[in-house]
């Protein structure tokens, strides 16, 4: 499977979240159905200034890419660009927005709606491995130490099950070359800066695409100003959770 997420699609899906006291907004940039095994999604969350999203967990593995604003994630400072990974049934938060609010993408290989507050953990939490990962902040004005133009830098090297985060800066018309792990379920390629030309369309900042494990990476080249991208490599759901449905 190859699935593409765009700003244009997100604009048509932007809505206020009805259960939030403050004016949170959510926009689905990438939708690929609701298959319980593989249905990649990416949503932009706009959390208003000084608002708090309570500590919670999800039933699916997820990445979050924080692209605007600042605040706190649990007791830790949150500056952009930051990548956060939480495995299924792993609690995190609260997310507390600073004076500028926070904008972040929630990115999952399997579709899921809503979250489970930590206050309901007794009823809904499932025993099994818990997993966190934080990468960044990434300063877009200065490449990370060790990065080389045209070569993917492992911001978090592959783990045994394929979890990993990479950074790649391309020169104009430069082509993506990326390592992939055979155990992962697939990879999200997220554009941070510049433009990325796919065979069918061009992606701008914050747009992304997903390639499943059984698909070859499409030929992708940077636009006239080059491109900076993240690679988010998705591990499979832990065995303890694979037979559980929402």
C-alpha atoms as a PDB file:
ATOM      1  CA  UNK A   1       0.000   0.000   0.000  1.00  0.00           C
ATOM      2  CA  UNK A   2       1.032   3.556  -0.757  1.00  0.00           C
ATOM      3  CA  UNK A   3      -1.108   6.310   0.772  1.00  0.00           C
ATOM      4  CA  UNK A   4      -0.635  10.076   0.495  1.00  0.00           C
ATOM      5  CA  UNK A   5      -1.655  12.820   2.918  1.00  0.00           C
ATOM      6  CA  UNK A   6      -2.058  16.426   1.796  1.00  0.00           C
ATOM      7  CA  UNK A   7      -2.940  19.854   3.117  1.00  0.00           C
ATOM      8  CA  UNK A   8      -5.769  20.123   0.580  1.00  0.00           C
ATOM      9  CA  UNK A   9      -7.428  17.024   2.013  1.00  0.00           C
ATOM     10  CA  UNK A  10      -6.890  18.285   5.550  1.00  0.00           C
ATOM     11  CA  UNK A  11      -8.581  21.606   4.800  1.00  0.00           C
ATOM     12  CA  UNK A  12     -11.760  19.803   3.786  1.00  0.00           C
ATOM     13  CA  UNK A  13     -11.744  17.758   7.019  1.00  0.00           C
ATOM     14  CA  UNK A  14     -10.924  20.447   9.598  1.00  0.00           C
ATOM     15  CA  UNK A  15     -13.400  20.476  12.477  1.00  0.00           C
ATOM     16  CA  UNK A  16     -13.640  21.421  16.125  1.00  0.00           C
ATOM     17  CA  UNK A  17     -13.436  18.475  18.482  1.00  0.00           C
ATOM     18  CA  UNK A  18     -16.812  18.403  20.233  1.00  0.00           C
ATOM     19  CA  UNK A  19     -15.773  16.889  23.569  1.00  0.00           C
ATOM     20  CA  UNK A  20     -13.037  19.419  24.346  1.00  0.00           C
ATOM     21  CA  UNK A  21     -13.721  22.392  26.622  1.00  0.00           C
ATOM     22  CA  UNK A  22     -11.282  24.569  24.692  1.00  0.00           C
ATOM     23  CA  UNK A  23     -11.333  25.021  20.912  1.00  0.00           C
ATOM     24  CA  UNK A  24      -9.243  22.084  19.726  1.00  0.00           C
ATOM     25  CA  UNK A  25      -9.297  21.448  15.975  1.00  0.00           C
ATOM     26  CA  UNK A  26      -8.531  18.267  14.079  1.00  0.00           C
ATOM     27  CA  UNK A  27      -7.884  17.825  10.354  1.00  0.00           C
ATOM     28  CA  UNK A  28      -7.437  14.460   8.662  1.00  0.00           C
ATOM     29  CA  UNK A  29      -4.608  14.885   6.151  1.00  0.00           C
ATOM     30  CA  UNK A  30      -4.290  11.178   5.356  1.00  0.00           C
ATOM     31  CA  UNK A  31      -7.108   8.615   5.422  1.00  0.00           C
ATOM     32  CA  UNK A  32      -6.967   5.047   4.131  1.00  0.00           C
ATOM     33  CA  UNK A  33     -10.075   3.325   5.461  1.00  0.00           C
ATOM     34  CA  UNK A  34     -10.475   1.470   8.740  1.00  0.00           C
ATOM     35  CA  UNK A  35      -8.844  -1.903   8.161  1.00  0.00           C
ATOM     36  CA  UNK A  36      -7.812  -3.313  11.592  1.00  0.00           C
ATOM     37  CA  UNK A  37      -4.420  -4.469  10.286  1.00  0.00           C
ATOM     38  CA  UNK A  38      -3.253  -1.661   7.985  1.00  0.00           C
ATOM     39  CA  UNK A  39      -5.049   1.666   7.472  1.00  0.00           C
ATOM     40  CA  UNK A  40      -2.535   4.525   7.786  1.00  0.00           C
ATOM     41  CA  UNK A  41      -3.779   7.869   9.049  1.00  0.00           C
ATOM     42  CA  UNK A  42      -2.347  11.299   9.781  1.00  0.00           C
ATOM     43  CA  UNK A  43      -4.238  14.100  11.522  1.00  0.00           C
ATOM     44  CA  UNK A  44      -3.215  17.642  12.404  1.00  0.00           C
ATOM     45  CA  UNK A  45      -4.247  18.683  15.921  1.00  0.00           C
ATOM     46  CA  UNK A  46      -4.410  22.389  16.783  1.00  0.00           C
ATOM     47  CA  UNK A  47      -4.360  22.782  20.555  1.00  0.00           C
ATOM     48  CA  UNK A  48      -5.115  26.337  21.738  1.00  0.00           C
ATOM     49  CA  UNK A  49      -2.861  28.411  24.030  1.00  0.00           C
ATOM     50  CA  UNK A  50      -2.632  27.207  27.634  1.00  0.00           C
ATOM     51  CA  UNK A  51      -5.007  24.313  26.967  1.00  0.00           C
ATOM     52  CA  UNK A  52      -4.366  20.896  28.508  1.00  0.00           C
ATOM     53  CA  UNK A  53      -4.984  17.506  26.942  1.00  0.00           C
ATOM     54  CA  UNK A  54      -5.118  15.060  29.831  1.00  0.00           C
ATOM     55  CA  UNK A  55      -2.789  12.073  30.143  1.00  0.00           C
ATOM     56  CA  UNK A  56      -4.119   9.221  28.026  1.00  0.00           C
ATOM     57  CA  UNK A  57      -3.281   6.224  25.833  1.00  0.00           C
ATOM     58  CA  UNK A  58      -4.349   4.657  22.541  1.00  0.00           C
ATOM     59  CA  UNK A  59      -4.944   1.120  21.313  1.00  0.00           C
ATOM     60  CA  UNK A  60      -2.593   1.545  18.326  1.00  0.00           C
ATOM     61  CA  UNK A  61       1.061   2.465  17.888  1.00  0.00           C
ATOM     62  CA  UNK A  62       1.543   6.110  16.954  1.00  0.00           C
ATOM     63  CA  UNK A  63       4.030   8.814  16.118  1.00  0.00           C
ATOM     64  CA  UNK A  64       3.458  12.482  16.816  1.00  0.00           C
ATOM     65  CA  UNK A  65       5.366  15.211  14.988  1.00  0.00           C
ATOM     66  CA  UNK A  66       5.153  18.578  16.769  1.00  0.00           C
ATOM     67  CA  UNK A  67       5.480  21.297  14.144  1.00  0.00           C
ATOM     68  CA  UNK A  68       4.388  24.542  15.832  1.00  0.00           C
ATOM     69  CA  UNK A  69       4.196  26.231  19.222  1.00  0.00           C
ATOM     70  CA  UNK A  70       5.577  24.976  22.499  1.00  0.00           C
ATOM     71  CA  UNK A  71       4.541  23.618  25.861  1.00  0.00           C
ATOM     72  CA  UNK A  72       5.000  20.495  27.953  1.00  0.00           C
ATOM     73  CA  UNK A  73       4.600  16.778  27.347  1.00  0.00           C
ATOM     74  CA  UNK A  74       4.334  15.370  30.832  1.00  0.00           C
ATOM     75  CA  UNK A  75       7.059  17.118  32.853  1.00  0.00           C
ATOM     76  CA  UNK A  76       9.283  17.655  29.800  1.00  0.00           C
ATOM     77  CA  UNK A  77       9.602  20.812  27.684  1.00  0.00           C
ATOM     78  CA  UNK A  78       8.130  20.537  24.209  1.00  0.00           C
ATOM     79  CA  UNK A  79       9.851  22.505  21.428  1.00  0.00           C
ATOM     80  CA  UNK A  80       9.448  22.053  17.687  1.00  0.00           C
ATOM     81  CA  UNK A  81      10.271  20.097  15.688  1.00  0.00           C
ATOM     82  CA  UNK A  82       9.861  17.137  18.057  1.00  0.00           C
ATOM     83  CA  UNK A  83       9.041  13.498  17.292  1.00  0.00           C
ATOM     84  CA  UNK A  84       7.257  11.438  19.952  1.00  0.00           C
ATOM     85  CA  UNK A  85       6.417   7.758  19.703  1.00  0.00           C
ATOM     86  CA  UNK A  86       4.054   5.894  22.016  1.00  0.00           C
ATOM     87  CA  UNK A  87       3.319   2.222  21.591  1.00  0.00           C
ATOM     88  CA  UNK A  88      -0.175   0.803  21.932  1.00  0.00           C
ATOM     89  CA  UNK A  89      -1.516   0.941  25.493  1.00  0.00           C
ATOM     90  CA  UNK A  90       1.323   3.214  26.594  1.00  0.00           C
ATOM     91  CA  UNK A  91       0.188   6.240  28.572  1.00  0.00           C
ATOM     92  CA  UNK A  92       1.689   9.690  28.041  1.00  0.00           C
ATOM     93  CA  UNK A  93       0.978  13.337  28.804  1.00  0.00           C
ATOM     94  CA  UNK A  94      -0.601  15.526  29.767  1.00  0.00           C
ATOM     95  CA  UNK A  95       0.033  17.776  26.768  1.00  0.00           C
ATOM     96  CA  UNK A  96       0.045  21.373  27.999  1.00  0.00           C
ATOM     97  CA  UNK A  97       0.154  24.143  25.404  1.00  0.00           C
ATOM     98  CA  UNK A  98       2.217  27.279  25.938  1.00  0.00           C
ATOM     99  CA  UNK A  99       1.140  30.835  25.004  1.00  0.00           C
ATOM    100  CA  UNK A 100       1.379  30.072  21.266  1.00  0.00           C
ATOM    101  CA  UNK A 101      -0.602  26.828  21.433  1.00  0.00           C
ATOM    102  CA  UNK A 102       0.684  23.605  19.877  1.00  0.00           C
ATOM    103  CA  UNK A 103       0.292  22.101  16.416  1.00  0.00           C
ATOM    104  CA  UNK A 104       1.119  18.441  15.964  1.00  0.00           C
ATOM    105  CA  UNK A 105       0.435  15.542  13.662  1.00  0.00           C
ATOM    106  CA  UNK A 106      -0.769  12.231  15.041  1.00  0.00           C
ATOM    107  CA  UNK A 107       0.392   9.511  12.653  1.00  0.00           C
ATOM    108  CA  UNK A 108      -0.614   5.839  12.889  1.00  0.00           C
ATOM    109  CA  UNK A 109      -0.266   2.780  10.639  1.00  0.00           C
ATOM    110  CA  UNK A 110      -3.723   1.630  11.803  1.00  0.00           C
ATOM    111  CA  UNK A 111      -6.776   3.872  12.031  1.00  0.00           C
ATOM    112  CA  UNK A 112      -8.126   4.735  15.475  1.00  0.00           C
ATOM    113  CA  UNK A 113     -10.450   7.463  16.719  1.00  0.00           C
ATOM    114  CA  UNK A 114     -10.431   8.995  20.169  1.00  0.00           C
ATOM    115  CA  UNK A 115      -8.275   8.239  23.181  1.00  0.00           C
ATOM    116  CA  UNK A 116      -8.625   6.627  26.582  1.00  0.00           C
ATOM    117  CA  UNK A 117      -7.962   8.931  29.560  1.00  0.00           C
ATOM    118  CA  UNK A 118      -5.470   7.695  32.129  1.00  0.00           C
ATOM    119  CA  UNK A 119      -8.280   7.934  34.687  1.00  0.00           C
ATOM    120  CA  UNK A 120      -9.915   4.988  32.897  1.00  0.00           C
ATOM    121  CA  UNK A 121      -6.782   2.849  32.838  1.00  0.00           C
ATOM    122  CA  UNK A 122      -8.175   0.425  35.405  1.00  0.00           C
ATOM    123  CA  UNK A 123     -11.032  -0.534  33.046  1.00  0.00           C
ATOM    124  CA  UNK A 124      -9.285  -0.339  29.679  1.00  0.00           C
ATOM    125  CA  UNK A 125      -5.529  -0.788  30.097  1.00  0.00           C
ATOM    126  CA  UNK A 126      -4.113  -4.120  28.906  1.00  0.00           C
ATOM    127  CA  UNK A 127      -1.046  -5.777  30.387  1.00  0.00           C
ATOM    128  CA  UNK A 128       1.912  -5.809  28.025  1.00  0.00           C
ATOM    129  CA  UNK A 129       5.064  -3.911  27.008  1.00  0.00           C
ATOM    130  CA  UNK A 130       4.965  -0.111  27.278  1.00  0.00           C
ATOM    131  CA  UNK A 131       7.130   1.969  24.985  1.00  0.00           C
ATOM    132  CA  UNK A 132       8.117   5.623  24.581  1.00  0.00           C
ATOM    133  CA  UNK A 133      10.525   7.418  22.290  1.00  0.00           C
ATOM    134  CA  UNK A 134      11.300  11.130  21.952  1.00  0.00           C
ATOM    135  CA  UNK A 135      13.562  12.600  19.257  1.00  0.00           C
ATOM    136  CA  UNK A 136      14.475  16.276  19.049  1.00  0.00           C
ATOM    137  CA  UNK A 137      13.925  19.096  19.064  1.00  0.00           C
ATOM    138  CA  UNK A 138      15.173  19.393  15.486  1.00  0.00           C
ATOM    139  CA  UNK A 139      16.350  22.869  14.490  1.00  0.00           C
ATOM    140  CA  UNK A 140      15.303  23.365  10.872  1.00  0.00           C
ATOM    141  CA  UNK A 141      17.767  26.233  10.471  1.00  0.00           C
ATOM    142  CA  UNK A 142      20.751  23.965  11.217  1.00  0.00           C
ATOM    143  CA  UNK A 143      21.070  20.295  10.179  1.00  0.00           C
ATOM    144  CA  UNK A 144      21.559  17.837  13.065  1.00  0.00           C
ATOM    145  CA  UNK A 145      25.110  16.858  13.924  1.00  0.00           C
ATOM    146  CA  UNK A 146      26.348  14.077  11.685  1.00  0.00           C
ATOM    147  CA  UNK A 147      23.945  14.740   8.816  1.00  0.00           C
ATOM    148  CA  UNK A 148      25.265  14.762   5.258  1.00  0.00           C
ATOM    149  CA  UNK A 149      23.433  16.050   2.220  1.00  0.00           C
ATOM    150  CA  UNK A 150      21.717  13.180   0.438  1.00  0.00           C
ATOM    151  CA  UNK A 151      22.353  10.609   3.172  1.00  0.00           C
ATOM    152  CA  UNK A 152      19.755   9.534   5.716  1.00  0.00           C
ATOM    153  CA  UNK A 153      20.770  10.197   9.325  1.00  0.00           C
ATOM    154  CA  UNK A 154      19.378   7.836  11.951  1.00  0.00           C
ATOM    155  CA  UNK A 155      17.998  10.129  14.641  1.00  0.00           C
ATOM    156  CA  UNK A 156      16.914   6.926  16.364  1.00  0.00           C
ATOM    157  CA  UNK A 157      18.619   3.818  14.918  1.00  0.00           C
ATOM    158  CA  UNK A 158      16.485   0.825  14.054  1.00  0.00           C
ATOM    159  CA  UNK A 159      15.412  -1.391  16.917  1.00  0.00           C
ATOM    160  CA  UNK A 160      14.926  -5.123  16.438  1.00  0.00           C
ATOM    161  CA  UNK A 161      11.276  -4.766  15.406  1.00  0.00           C
ATOM    162  CA  UNK A 162      11.894  -1.941  12.944  1.00  0.00           C
ATOM    163  CA  UNK A 163      11.099   1.111  15.060  1.00  0.00           C
ATOM    164  CA  UNK A 164      13.257   3.993  13.862  1.00  0.00           C
ATOM    165  CA  UNK A 165      13.353   7.698  13.005  1.00  0.00           C
ATOM    166  CA  UNK A 166      15.473   9.160  10.221  1.00  0.00           C
ATOM    167  CA  UNK A 167      16.341  12.613   8.832  1.00  0.00           C
ATOM    168  CA  UNK A 168      17.274  13.329   5.244  1.00  0.00           C
ATOM    169  CA  UNK A 169      18.225  16.571   3.532  1.00  0.00           C
ATOM    170  CA  UNK A 170      18.153  16.547  -0.263  1.00  0.00           C
ATOM    171  CA  UNK A 171      19.703  18.952  -2.746  1.00  0.00           C
ATOM    172  CA  UNK A 172      17.530  20.196  -5.632  1.00  0.00           C
ATOM    173  CA  UNK A 173      16.419  17.232  -7.777  1.00  0.00           C
ATOM    174  CA  UNK A 174      18.112  14.888  -5.303  1.00  0.00           C
ATOM    175  CA  UNK A 175      16.544  11.433  -5.002  1.00  0.00           C
ATOM    176  CA  UNK A 176      15.536   9.664  -1.810  1.00  0.00           C
ATOM    177  CA  UNK A 177      17.632   6.688  -0.801  1.00  0.00           C
ATOM    178  CA  UNK A 178      16.457   5.172   2.442  1.00  0.00           C
ATOM    179  CA  UNK A 179      17.216   2.098   4.530  1.00  0.00           C
ATOM    180  CA  UNK A 180      14.194   0.047   5.549  1.00  0.00           C
ATOM    181  CA  UNK A 181      13.890  -2.645   8.188  1.00  0.00           C
ATOM    182  CA  UNK A 182      12.311  -5.979   7.212  1.00  0.00           C
ATOM    183  CA  UNK A 183      10.426  -6.248  10.506  1.00  0.00           C
ATOM    184  CA  UNK A 184       8.631  -2.893  10.264  1.00  0.00           C
ATOM    185  CA  UNK A 185       5.061  -2.569   9.003  1.00  0.00           C
ATOM    186  CA  UNK A 186       6.054   0.351   6.787  1.00  0.00           C
ATOM    187  CA  UNK A 187       7.394   3.891   6.782  1.00  0.00           C
ATOM    188  CA  UNK A 188       5.887   7.375   6.768  1.00  0.00           C
ATOM    189  CA  UNK A 189       7.878   9.986   4.830  1.00  0.00           C
ATOM    190  CA  UNK A 190       7.066  13.451   6.221  1.00  0.00           C
ATOM    191  CA  UNK A 191       8.156  16.657   4.469  1.00  0.00           C
ATOM    192  CA  UNK A 192       9.577  19.271   6.831  1.00  0.00           C
ATOM    193  CA  UNK A 193      10.883  21.788   4.279  1.00  0.00           C
ATOM    194  CA  UNK A 194      10.966  22.260   0.529  1.00  0.00           C
ATOM    195  CA  UNK A 195       9.107  20.080  -1.952  1.00  0.00           C
ATOM    196  CA  UNK A 196       9.149  16.379  -2.723  1.00  0.00           C
ATOM    197  CA  UNK A 197       8.125  15.145  -6.161  1.00  0.00           C
ATOM    198  CA  UNK A 198       6.323  11.804  -6.273  1.00  0.00           C
ATOM    199  CA  UNK A 199       5.413  10.100  -9.558  1.00  0.00           C
ATOM    200  CA  UNK A 200       1.829  11.389  -9.252  1.00  0.00           C
ATOM    201  CA  UNK A 201       2.101  14.692  -7.367  1.00  0.00           C
ATOM    202  CA  UNK A 202       4.300  17.115  -5.440  1.00  0.00           C
ATOM    203  CA  UNK A 203       4.289  17.284  -1.656  1.00  0.00           C
ATOM    204  CA  UNK A 204       4.841  20.520   0.284  1.00  0.00           C
ATOM    205  CA  UNK A 205       5.808  20.996   3.965  1.00  0.00           C
ATOM    206  CA  UNK A 206       3.811  18.880   6.430  1.00  0.00           C
ATOM    207  CA  UNK A 207       2.530  16.629   3.655  1.00  0.00           C
ATOM    208  CA  UNK A 208       3.471  12.967   3.782  1.00  0.00           C
ATOM    209  CA  UNK A 209       3.109   9.506   2.339  1.00  0.00           C
ATOM    210  CA  UNK A 210       3.116   5.955   3.712  1.00  0.00           C
ATOM    211  CA  UNK A 211       4.675   2.877   2.120  1.00  0.00           C
ATOM    212  CA  UNK A 212       3.822  -0.543   3.542  1.00  0.00           C
ATOM    213  CA  UNK A 213       6.402  -3.260   4.089  1.00  0.00           C
ATOM    214  CA  UNK A 214       5.460  -5.127   0.902  1.00  0.00           C
ATOM    215  CA  UNK A 215       5.815  -2.086  -1.391  1.00  0.00           C
ATOM    216  CA  UNK A 216       8.950  -0.602  -2.907  1.00  0.00           C
ATOM    217  CA  UNK A 217       9.662   3.016  -2.092  1.00  0.00           C
ATOM    218  CA  UNK A 218       8.465   5.137  -5.037  1.00  0.00           C
ATOM    219  CA  UNK A 219      10.966   7.254  -6.934  1.00  0.00           C
ATOM    220  CA  UNK A 220      10.992  10.619  -5.127  1.00  0.00           C
ATOM    221  CA  UNK A 221      13.045  13.683  -5.973  1.00  0.00           C
ATOM    222  CA  UNK A 222      13.408  17.048  -4.281  1.00  0.00           C
ATOM    223  CA  UNK A 223      12.025  20.217  -5.825  1.00  0.00           C
ATOM    224  CA  UNK A 224      14.047  23.238  -6.991  1.00  0.00           C
ATOM    225  CA  UNK A 225      14.875  24.323  -3.431  1.00  0.00           C
ATOM    226  CA  UNK A 226      15.699  20.858  -2.151  1.00  0.00           C
ATOM    227  CA  UNK A 227      13.805  19.084   0.624  1.00  0.00           C
ATOM    228  CA  UNK A 228      14.142  18.089   4.265  1.00  0.00           C
ATOM    229  CA  UNK A 229      12.220  15.015   5.344  1.00  0.00           C
ATOM    230  CA  UNK A 230      11.620  12.727   8.295  1.00  0.00           C
ATOM    231  CA  UNK A 231      11.263   8.959   8.001  1.00  0.00           C
ATOM    232  CA  UNK A 232       9.059   7.338  10.638  1.00  0.00           C
ATOM    233  CA  UNK A 233       9.502   3.569  10.588  1.00  0.00           C
ATOM    234  CA  UNK A 234       6.567   1.723  12.170  1.00  0.00           C
ATOM    235  CA  UNK A 235       7.055  -1.421  14.235  1.00  0.00           C
ATOM    236  CA  UNK A 236       4.262  -4.004  14.365  1.00  0.00           C
ATOM    237  CA  UNK A 237       1.911  -3.957  17.318  1.00  0.00           C
ATOM    238  CA  UNK A 238       3.209  -5.909  20.297  1.00  0.00           C
ATOM    239  CA  UNK A 239       2.002  -9.532  20.329  1.00  0.00           C
ATOM    240  CA  UNK A 240       0.212  -8.982  23.638  1.00  0.00           C
ATOM    241  CA  UNK A 241      -2.160  -6.554  21.905  1.00  0.00           C
ATOM    242  CA  UNK A 242      -2.600  -7.971  18.414  1.00  0.00           C
ATOM    243  CA  UNK A 243      -5.802  -9.926  19.098  1.00  0.00           C
ATOM    244  CA  UNK A 244      -7.491  -7.057  20.948  1.00  0.00           C
ATOM    245  CA  UNK A 245     -10.120  -5.017  19.112  1.00  0.00           C
ATOM    246  CA  UNK A 246     -11.607  -1.678  20.099  1.00  0.00           C
END
